[in-house]
Protein backbone atom coordinates (compact mmCIF):
# COMPACT_ATOMS: atom_id res chain seq x y z
CA MET A 1 66.26 98.11 89.53
CA ALA A 2 68.76 95.99 88.61
CA VAL A 3 71.17 97.16 91.36
CA TYR A 4 68.55 95.46 93.49
CA TRP A 5 68.41 92.01 91.92
CA TYR A 6 72.39 92.05 91.60
CA ALA A 7 72.86 92.89 95.22
CA TRP A 8 70.04 89.95 96.23
CA VAL A 9 71.91 87.35 94.18
CA LEU A 10 75.31 88.49 96.05
CA VAL A 11 73.71 88.39 99.33
CA ILE A 12 72.48 84.88 98.76
CA CYS A 13 75.89 83.88 98.00
CA VAL A 14 77.96 85.21 100.73
CA TYR A 15 75.48 84.65 103.12
CA PHE A 16 75.30 80.60 101.98
CA PHE A 17 78.78 80.00 100.95
CA MET A 18 81.34 81.96 102.44
CA LYS A 19 82.28 81.60 106.00
CA ASN A 20 81.54 83.82 108.94
CA THR A 21 84.27 86.27 109.25
CA ARG A 22 84.52 89.96 109.62
CA THR A 23 84.64 89.98 105.37
CA ARG A 24 81.52 88.40 105.26
CA THR A 25 79.74 90.57 107.72
CA ALA A 26 81.05 93.63 105.79
CA LEU A 27 80.32 92.81 102.74
CA LEU A 28 76.52 91.74 103.79
CA PHE A 29 75.84 95.58 105.30
CA PHE A 30 77.67 97.22 101.93
CA LEU A 31 75.24 94.78 99.94
CA TYR A 32 72.01 95.39 102.25
CA PHE A 33 73.05 99.40 102.24
CA LEU A 34 72.77 99.10 98.43
CA MET A 35 69.72 96.78 98.42
CA CYS A 36 68.16 99.69 100.45
CA SER A 37 69.55 102.76 98.88
CA PHE A 38 68.94 101.79 95.15
CA SER A 39 65.61 103.70 94.82
CA TRP A 40 65.91 107.06 96.93
CA LYS A 41 64.37 109.42 95.26
CA PHE A 42 64.05 111.76 98.08
CA ILE A 43 67.62 113.07 97.34
CA SER A 44 69.60 115.10 94.28
CA PRO A 45 71.12 112.48 91.59
CA SER A 46 74.17 114.25 92.39
CA VAL A 47 74.04 113.70 96.24
CA TYR A 48 73.01 109.92 95.46
CA LEU A 49 76.00 109.32 93.63
CA TYR A 50 78.21 111.07 96.00
CA ALA A 51 76.67 109.01 98.68
CA HIS A 52 77.35 105.84 96.65
CA LEU A 53 80.69 106.62 95.72
CA ILE A 54 82.13 107.30 99.21
CA LEU A 55 80.46 104.49 100.36
CA LEU A 56 82.54 102.41 97.48
CA ILE A 57 85.96 103.87 98.32
CA LEU A 58 85.25 103.52 102.39
CA PHE A 59 84.21 99.52 101.66
CA GLY A 60 87.32 99.62 99.56
CA LEU A 61 90.15 101.40 101.90
CA TYR A 62 88.09 98.74 104.77
CA PHE A 63 88.74 95.44 102.59
CA ILE A 64 92.58 96.29 102.01
CA SER A 65 93.31 97.57 105.48
CA PHE A 66 92.28 94.15 106.95
CA GLN A 67 96.00 93.18 106.91
CA LYS A 68 98.99 94.96 106.50
CA ARG A 69 100.11 95.42 103.16
CA PRO A 70 103.20 96.63 101.58
CA LEU A 71 102.84 100.39 99.94
CA VAL A 72 103.03 98.68 96.41
CA VAL A 73 99.66 98.16 96.69
CA TYR A 74 98.30 101.51 97.77
CA LEU A 75 100.39 103.02 94.77
CA TRP A 76 98.06 100.86 92.61
CA LEU A 77 95.16 101.82 94.02
CA PHE A 78 95.85 105.38 93.00
CA PHE A 79 97.18 104.37 89.19
CA LEU A 80 94.45 102.07 88.42
CA SER A 81 91.89 104.55 89.87
CA ILE A 82 93.46 107.12 87.55
CA GLY A 83 93.46 104.12 85.03
CA HIS A 84 89.61 103.69 85.58
CA ALA A 85 89.00 107.67 85.44
CA SER A 86 90.66 107.70 81.82
CA GLY A 87 88.65 104.43 80.75
CA SER A 88 85.28 106.40 81.92
CA LEU A 89 86.17 109.16 79.99
CA PHE A 90 87.11 107.65 76.97
CA ILE A 91 84.18 105.50 77.01
CA LEU A 92 81.78 108.30 77.61
CA ILE A 93 83.41 110.28 75.01
CA HIS A 94 83.35 107.65 72.08
CA PRO A 95 80.09 106.10 73.24
CA VAL A 96 80.43 103.05 70.94
CA TRP A 97 82.51 101.22 73.17
CA MET A 98 79.84 101.18 75.93
CA HIS A 99 78.52 97.98 74.05
CA LEU A 100 81.04 95.78 75.20
CA PRO A 101 80.04 93.58 77.49
CA GLY A 102 80.63 94.60 81.16
CA PHE A 103 80.53 91.22 82.45
CA SER A 104 83.78 89.99 80.19
CA THR A 105 84.93 93.29 80.66
CA GLY A 106 84.37 92.71 84.41
CA PHE A 107 86.14 89.28 84.37
CA VAL A 108 89.18 90.60 82.76
CA LEU A 109 89.56 93.59 85.30
CA VAL A 110 88.82 90.98 88.28
CA LEU A 111 91.54 88.66 86.89
CA LEU A 112 94.14 91.42 86.54
CA LEU A 113 93.47 92.46 90.28
CA ARG A 114 94.19 88.84 91.07
CA MET A 115 97.79 89.45 90.10
CA ILE A 116 98.23 92.39 92.13
CA LEU A 117 96.30 90.56 95.61
CA THR A 118 95.57 87.05 96.05
CA ASP A 119 93.07 87.30 99.00
CA PHE A 120 89.35 88.02 98.76
CA ARG A 121 89.45 90.76 101.02
CA GLY A 122 92.18 92.55 99.17
CA ILE A 123 90.69 92.47 95.73
CA ALA A 124 87.62 93.23 97.05
CA GLY A 125 88.78 96.10 98.21
CA LEU A 126 91.01 97.20 95.36
CA TRP A 127 87.87 96.83 93.02
CA LEU A 128 85.35 98.93 95.05
CA PHE A 129 87.99 101.44 95.53
CA ILE A 130 89.31 101.65 92.09
CA ASN A 131 85.24 101.78 91.00
CA GLY A 132 84.21 104.74 93.47
CA ALA A 133 87.99 106.57 93.08
CA GLY A 134 88.01 106.28 89.48
CA MET A 135 84.11 107.63 88.81
CA THR A 136 84.93 110.36 91.32
CA LEU A 137 87.87 111.65 89.11
CA THR A 138 85.40 110.90 86.20
CA TYR A 139 82.81 113.05 87.65
CA VAL A 140 84.79 115.98 89.18
CA VAL A 141 86.55 116.47 85.57
CA LEU A 142 83.26 116.41 83.70
CA ARG A 143 81.76 118.47 86.10
CA PHE A 144 84.56 120.82 85.28
CA TYR A 145 83.40 121.05 81.90
CA GLY A 146 79.92 121.21 82.53
CA LYS A 147 78.89 117.91 81.61
CA GLU A 148 78.43 116.32 84.85
CA GLY A 149 74.96 114.98 84.26
CA VAL A 150 76.45 112.59 82.25
CA VAL A 151 77.61 110.11 84.65
CA THR A 152 75.12 108.22 87.04
CA ALA A 153 75.11 106.00 89.91
CA GLN A 154 73.23 102.83 88.23
CA PRO A 155 75.10 101.91 85.54
CA LEU A 156 78.18 101.90 88.31
CA LEU A 157 76.67 100.21 90.81
CA VAL A 158 76.03 97.39 88.72
CA PHE A 159 79.41 97.18 87.04
CA VAL A 160 80.67 96.86 90.43
CA LEU A 161 78.36 94.02 91.35
CA LYS A 162 78.76 92.40 88.24
CA GLY A 163 82.42 92.24 89.02
CA LEU A 164 81.70 91.15 92.68
CA LEU A 165 79.79 88.73 91.29
CA ILE A 166 83.07 87.13 89.46
CA LEU A 167 85.23 87.42 91.86
CA LEU A 168 82.91 85.66 94.50
CA PHE A 169 82.89 83.01 91.75
CA VAL A 170 86.43 83.04 91.36
CA HIS A 171 86.83 82.75 94.72
CA GLY A 172 84.46 79.85 95.46
CA LEU A 173 86.35 78.04 92.50
CA ARG A 174 89.86 78.44 94.28
CA VAL A 175 88.38 77.44 97.46
CA LEU A 176 87.04 74.37 95.58
CA LYS A 177 89.81 73.45 94.48
CA LYS A 178 92.01 73.76 97.42
CA ASN A 179 89.64 71.51 99.32
CA ASN A 180 89.67 68.96 96.90
CA ALA A 181 93.29 69.13 96.90
CA GLY A 182 93.48 68.66 100.64
CA ALA A 183 91.30 65.76 100.55
CA GLY A 184 93.78 63.57 97.64
CA LYS A 185 96.13 64.54 100.58
CA SER A 186 94.47 63.01 103.21
CA LYS A 187 93.45 59.45 101.11
CA GLN A 188 95.35 56.53 102.08
CA LYS A 189 95.65 53.68 99.75
CA GLY A 190 92.29 51.92 99.59
CA ASP A 191 90.00 54.63 101.12
CA ALA A 192 87.20 56.07 99.56
CA TYR A 193 86.90 59.74 99.71
CA ALA A 194 84.74 60.84 102.61
């Protein structure tokens, strides 16, 4: 149920506070799909997980491919996906680390992704792809050992949506800062802000 409410909050933020672009349309489509599919009971849990992992990977690649990027970015995708899988396996082996707050962990990860890319589409694409590919690797490794039932889609989707919420907040602050800097430069002596 948390997936639905996080997706709903994100839909409101994206719909009302983002410019009408292809990024906004794609992000809304992604969120609408999550809102509709969060409670599918007619498919098996493994198919449900695979469907959402494929969705994360495809939308991640779609957001990253909006503009031409250097090859280093795609290498980061590979290495960060392996890092995500390693971190997930560590948390599953030592579950005491699961009590770390996901919101603050997501905040740190989103800020680290901003060091690699600066545009919203690229960071959103990295975030979706890393979570999707990393959890796919985790699931494959656990399936090899017969422990695939440990991985479920709901916590992963909540973590992804929390990261997107933080990313939208940081992006909004950046846009607001840029708009305020532009308004300050255009002010003439004796003029009031409009």
